[in-house]
Amino acid sequence: MNGNHLRTIRHHASERTIAAREGDIDRYLRANFDFKFAIYRHCGNGHLLFLIETLWLQAGPFLRKLVEDTKMTASEVLDVDSHEIAVAALEAKNAQKAREAIASDIRDAANYLLSHAKFRKPS
């Protein structure tokens, strides 16, 4: 991974954190997408990228709706954030640790959201 690509990833991670702290859900979701997809695109696997994009089309609207329909804020997600660990691993060229950080970020955020969200009963 070259320096320009790492700077882009660092920028998206920073933007995401700032947006979360400011409670700007639109900017947060955009920066979160940009951060993760900057990494995913770098892998060079078009088939995998297509699968991830397909999942994101489902997860993105769910995350927005979840935040809009609850008292949750974007800043709460920072409690289970692994983006800085992923950036550090990429800078150290430690692919295994970067993979673990991204997997942890997705898993921990999903578990946090599912355990703190209040879902309505179907009518």
C-alpha atoms as a PDB file:
ATOM      1  CA  MET A   1       0.000   0.000   0.000  1.00  0.00           C
ATOM      2  CA  ASN A   2       1.519   3.311  -1.029  1.00  0.00           C
ATOM      3  CA  GLY A   3       1.700   6.501   1.017  1.00  0.00           C
ATOM      4  CA  ASN A   4      -1.085   8.260  -0.880  1.00  0.00           C
ATOM      5  CA  HIS A   5      -3.450   5.391  -0.279  1.00  0.00           C
ATOM      6  CA  LEU A   6      -2.602   5.328   3.442  1.00  0.00           C
ATOM      7  CA  ARG A   7      -3.162   9.084   3.695  1.00  0.00           C
ATOM      8  CA  THR A   8      -6.581   8.645   2.101  1.00  0.00           C
ATOM      9  CA  ILE A   9      -7.470   5.885   4.568  1.00  0.00           C
ATOM     10  CA  ARG A  10      -6.208   7.972   7.523  1.00  0.00           C
ATOM     11  CA  HIS A  11      -8.257  10.942   6.263  1.00  0.00           C
ATOM     12  CA  HIS A  12     -11.461   8.868   6.096  1.00  0.00           C
ATOM     13  CA  ALA A  13     -10.820   7.436   9.584  1.00  0.00           C
ATOM     14  CA  SER A  14     -10.320  10.932  10.958  1.00  0.00           C
ATOM     15  CA  GLU A  15     -13.421  12.283   9.183  1.00  0.00           C
ATOM     16  CA  ARG A  16     -15.472   9.419  10.597  1.00  0.00           C
ATOM     17  CA  THR A  17     -14.311  10.112  14.145  1.00  0.00           C
ATOM     18  CA  ILE A  18     -14.985  13.851  13.857  1.00  0.00           C
ATOM     19  CA  ALA A  19     -18.440  13.252  12.372  1.00  0.00           C
ATOM     20  CA  ALA A  20     -19.287  10.781  15.145  1.00  0.00           C
ATOM     21  CA  ARG A  21     -18.173  13.189  17.865  1.00  0.00           C
ATOM     22  CA  GLU A  22     -20.239  15.954  16.271  1.00  0.00           C
ATOM     23  CA  GLY A  23     -23.261  13.657  15.923  1.00  0.00           C
ATOM     24  CA  ASP A  24     -23.417  14.169  12.155  1.00  0.00           C
ATOM     25  CA  ILE A  25     -24.874  10.820  11.075  1.00  0.00           C
ATOM     26  CA  ASP A  26     -24.808  11.641   7.350  1.00  0.00           C
ATOM     27  CA  ARG A  27     -21.117  12.537   7.401  1.00  0.00           C
ATOM     28  CA  TYR A  28     -20.354   9.627   9.727  1.00  0.00           C
ATOM     29  CA  LEU A  29     -21.965   7.017   7.456  1.00  0.00           C
ATOM     30  CA  ARG A  30     -20.265   8.502   4.383  1.00  0.00           C
ATOM     31  CA  ALA A  31     -16.829   8.540   6.039  1.00  0.00           C
ATOM     32  CA  ASN A  32     -17.368   5.027   7.393  1.00  0.00           C
ATOM     33  CA  PHE A  33     -18.203   3.821   3.886  1.00  0.00           C
ATOM     34  CA  ASP A  34     -15.258   5.703   2.367  1.00  0.00           C
ATOM     35  CA  PHE A  35     -12.838   4.311   4.976  1.00  0.00           C
ATOM     36  CA  LYS A  36     -13.849   0.702   4.570  1.00  0.00           C
ATOM     37  CA  PHE A  37     -14.160   0.811   0.795  1.00  0.00           C
ATOM     38  CA  ALA A  38     -10.757   2.483   0.392  1.00  0.00           C
ATOM     39  CA  ILE A  39      -9.367  -0.645   2.035  1.00  0.00           C
ATOM     40  CA  TYR A  40     -11.632  -3.094   0.192  1.00  0.00           C
ATOM     41  CA  ARG A  41     -10.829  -1.573  -3.215  1.00  0.00           C
ATOM     42  CA  HIS A  42      -7.120  -1.905  -2.551  1.00  0.00           C
ATOM     43  CA  CYS A  43      -7.427  -5.709  -2.354  1.00  0.00           C
ATOM     44  CA  GLY A  44      -7.976  -5.806  -6.105  1.00  0.00           C
ATOM     45  CA  ASN A  45     -10.599  -8.554  -5.954  1.00  0.00           C
ATOM     46  CA  GLY A  46     -13.566  -7.342  -8.002  1.00  0.00           C
ATOM     47  CA  HIS A  47     -15.765 -10.311  -7.087  1.00  0.00           C
ATOM     48  CA  LEU A  48     -15.227  -9.763  -3.367  1.00  0.00           C
ATOM     49  CA  LEU A  49     -15.826  -6.032  -3.742  1.00  0.00           C
ATOM     50  CA  PHE A  50     -19.126  -6.740  -5.522  1.00  0.00           C
ATOM     51  CA  LEU A  51     -20.255  -8.996  -2.651  1.00  0.00           C
ATOM     52  CA  ILE A  52     -19.288  -6.424  -0.047  1.00  0.00           C
ATOM     53  CA  GLU A  53     -21.073  -3.646  -1.954  1.00  0.00           C
ATOM     54  CA  THR A  54     -24.191  -5.826  -2.127  1.00  0.00           C
ATOM     55  CA  LEU A  55     -24.100  -6.347   1.649  1.00  0.00           C
ATOM     56  CA  TRP A  56     -23.478  -2.641   2.224  1.00  0.00           C
ATOM     57  CA  LEU A  57     -26.614  -1.792   0.232  1.00  0.00           C
ATOM     58  CA  GLN A  58     -28.517  -3.702   2.919  1.00  0.00           C
ATOM     59  CA  ALA A  59     -26.501  -2.660   5.971  1.00  0.00           C
ATOM     60  CA  GLY A  60     -26.204   1.065   5.211  1.00  0.00           C
ATOM     61  CA  PRO A  61     -29.941   1.846   5.232  1.00  0.00           C
ATOM     62  CA  PHE A  62     -30.391  -0.418   8.280  1.00  0.00           C
ATOM     63  CA  LEU A  63     -27.751   1.540  10.216  1.00  0.00           C
ATOM     64  CA  ARG A  64     -29.331   4.858   9.282  1.00  0.00           C
ATOM     65  CA  LYS A  65     -32.813   3.682  10.264  1.00  0.00           C
ATOM     66  CA  LEU A  66     -31.505   2.194  13.493  1.00  0.00           C
ATOM     67  CA  VAL A  67     -29.940   5.475  14.542  1.00  0.00           C
ATOM     68  CA  GLU A  68     -32.926   7.556  13.407  1.00  0.00           C
ATOM     69  CA  ASP A  69     -35.469   5.362  15.226  1.00  0.00           C
ATOM     70  CA  THR A  70     -33.599   5.177  18.531  1.00  0.00           C
ATOM     71  CA  LYS A  71     -31.925   7.519  20.937  1.00  0.00           C
ATOM     72  CA  MET A  72     -28.542   6.229  19.780  1.00  0.00           C
ATOM     73  CA  THR A  73     -25.970   8.681  18.489  1.00  0.00           C
ATOM     74  CA  ALA A  74     -23.099   8.255  16.074  1.00  0.00           C
ATOM     75  CA  SER A  75     -20.622   9.004  18.878  1.00  0.00           C
ATOM     76  CA  GLU A  76     -21.647   5.818  20.704  1.00  0.00           C
ATOM     77  CA  VAL A  77     -20.125   3.761  17.895  1.00  0.00           C
ATOM     78  CA  LEU A  78     -16.683   5.090  18.848  1.00  0.00           C
ATOM     79  CA  ASP A  79     -16.896   2.892  21.971  1.00  0.00           C
ATOM     80  CA  VAL A  80     -16.426  -0.179  19.769  1.00  0.00           C
ATOM     81  CA  ASP A  81     -14.224   1.413  17.115  1.00  0.00           C
ATOM     82  CA  SER A  82     -11.303  -0.531  15.614  1.00  0.00           C
ATOM     83  CA  HIS A  83     -10.463   1.856  12.774  1.00  0.00           C
ATOM     84  CA  GLU A  84      -7.312   3.250  14.391  1.00  0.00           C
ATOM     85  CA  ILE A  85      -6.059  -0.308  14.976  1.00  0.00           C
ATOM     86  CA  ALA A  86      -6.716  -1.084  11.308  1.00  0.00           C
ATOM     87  CA  VAL A  87      -4.855   2.042  10.174  1.00  0.00           C
ATOM     88  CA  ALA A  88      -1.880   1.217  12.408  1.00  0.00           C
ATOM     89  CA  ALA A  89      -1.802  -2.345  11.065  1.00  0.00           C
ATOM     90  CA  LEU A  90      -1.894  -1.104   7.462  1.00  0.00           C
ATOM     91  CA  GLU A  91       0.919   1.334   8.189  1.00  0.00           C
ATOM     92  CA  ALA A  92       2.934  -1.547   9.707  1.00  0.00           C
ATOM     93  CA  LYS A  93       2.102  -3.701   6.649  1.00  0.00           C
ATOM     94  CA  ASN A  94       0.550  -6.272   8.966  1.00  0.00           C
ATOM     95  CA  ALA A  95      -2.259  -7.670   6.802  1.00  0.00           C
ATOM     96  CA  GLN A  96      -3.407 -10.195   9.407  1.00  0.00           C
ATOM     97  CA  LYS A  97      -3.835  -7.559  12.109  1.00  0.00           C
ATOM     98  CA  ALA A  98      -5.602  -5.229   9.652  1.00  0.00           C
ATOM     99  CA  ARG A  99      -8.002  -8.024   8.687  1.00  0.00           C
ATOM    100  CA  GLU A 100      -8.673  -8.796  12.350  1.00  0.00           C
ATOM    101  CA  ALA A 101      -9.289  -5.110  13.113  1.00  0.00           C
ATOM    102  CA  ILE A 102     -11.812  -4.695  10.286  1.00  0.00           C
ATOM    103  CA  ALA A 103     -13.571  -7.955  11.198  1.00  0.00           C
ATOM    104  CA  SER A 104     -13.641  -6.877  14.841  1.00  0.00           C
ATOM    105  CA  ASP A 105     -14.965  -3.440  13.901  1.00  0.00           C
ATOM    106  CA  ILE A 106     -17.864  -4.941  11.957  1.00  0.00           C
ATOM    107  CA  ARG A 107     -18.612  -7.670  14.514  1.00  0.00           C
ATOM    108  CA  ASP A 108     -18.326  -5.455  17.599  1.00  0.00           C
ATOM    109  CA  ALA A 109     -20.410  -2.662  16.086  1.00  0.00           C
ATOM    110  CA  ALA A 110     -23.124  -5.139  15.044  1.00  0.00           C
ATOM    111  CA  ASN A 111     -23.194  -6.707  18.516  1.00  0.00           C
ATOM    112  CA  TYR A 112     -23.309  -3.276  20.154  1.00  0.00           C
ATOM    113  CA  LEU A 113     -26.127  -2.069  17.930  1.00  0.00           C
ATOM    114  CA  LEU A 114     -28.151  -5.242  18.341  1.00  0.00           C
ATOM    115  CA  SER A 115     -27.794  -5.218  22.120  1.00  0.00           C
ATOM    116  CA  HIS A 116     -28.645  -1.511  22.525  1.00  0.00           C
ATOM    117  CA  ALA A 117     -31.268  -0.985  19.859  1.00  0.00           C
ATOM    118  CA  LYS A 118     -34.940  -1.042  20.606  1.00  0.00           C
ATOM    119  CA  PHE A 119     -36.795  -2.794  17.841  1.00  0.00           C
ATOM    120  CA  ARG A 120     -40.504  -2.334  17.394  1.00  0.00           C
ATOM    121  CA  LYS A 121     -42.728  -5.365  17.479  1.00  0.00           C
ATOM    122  CA  PRO A 122     -44.220  -6.148  14.069  1.00  0.00           C
ATOM    123  CA  SER A 123     -47.787  -4.911  13.749  1.00  0.00           C
END
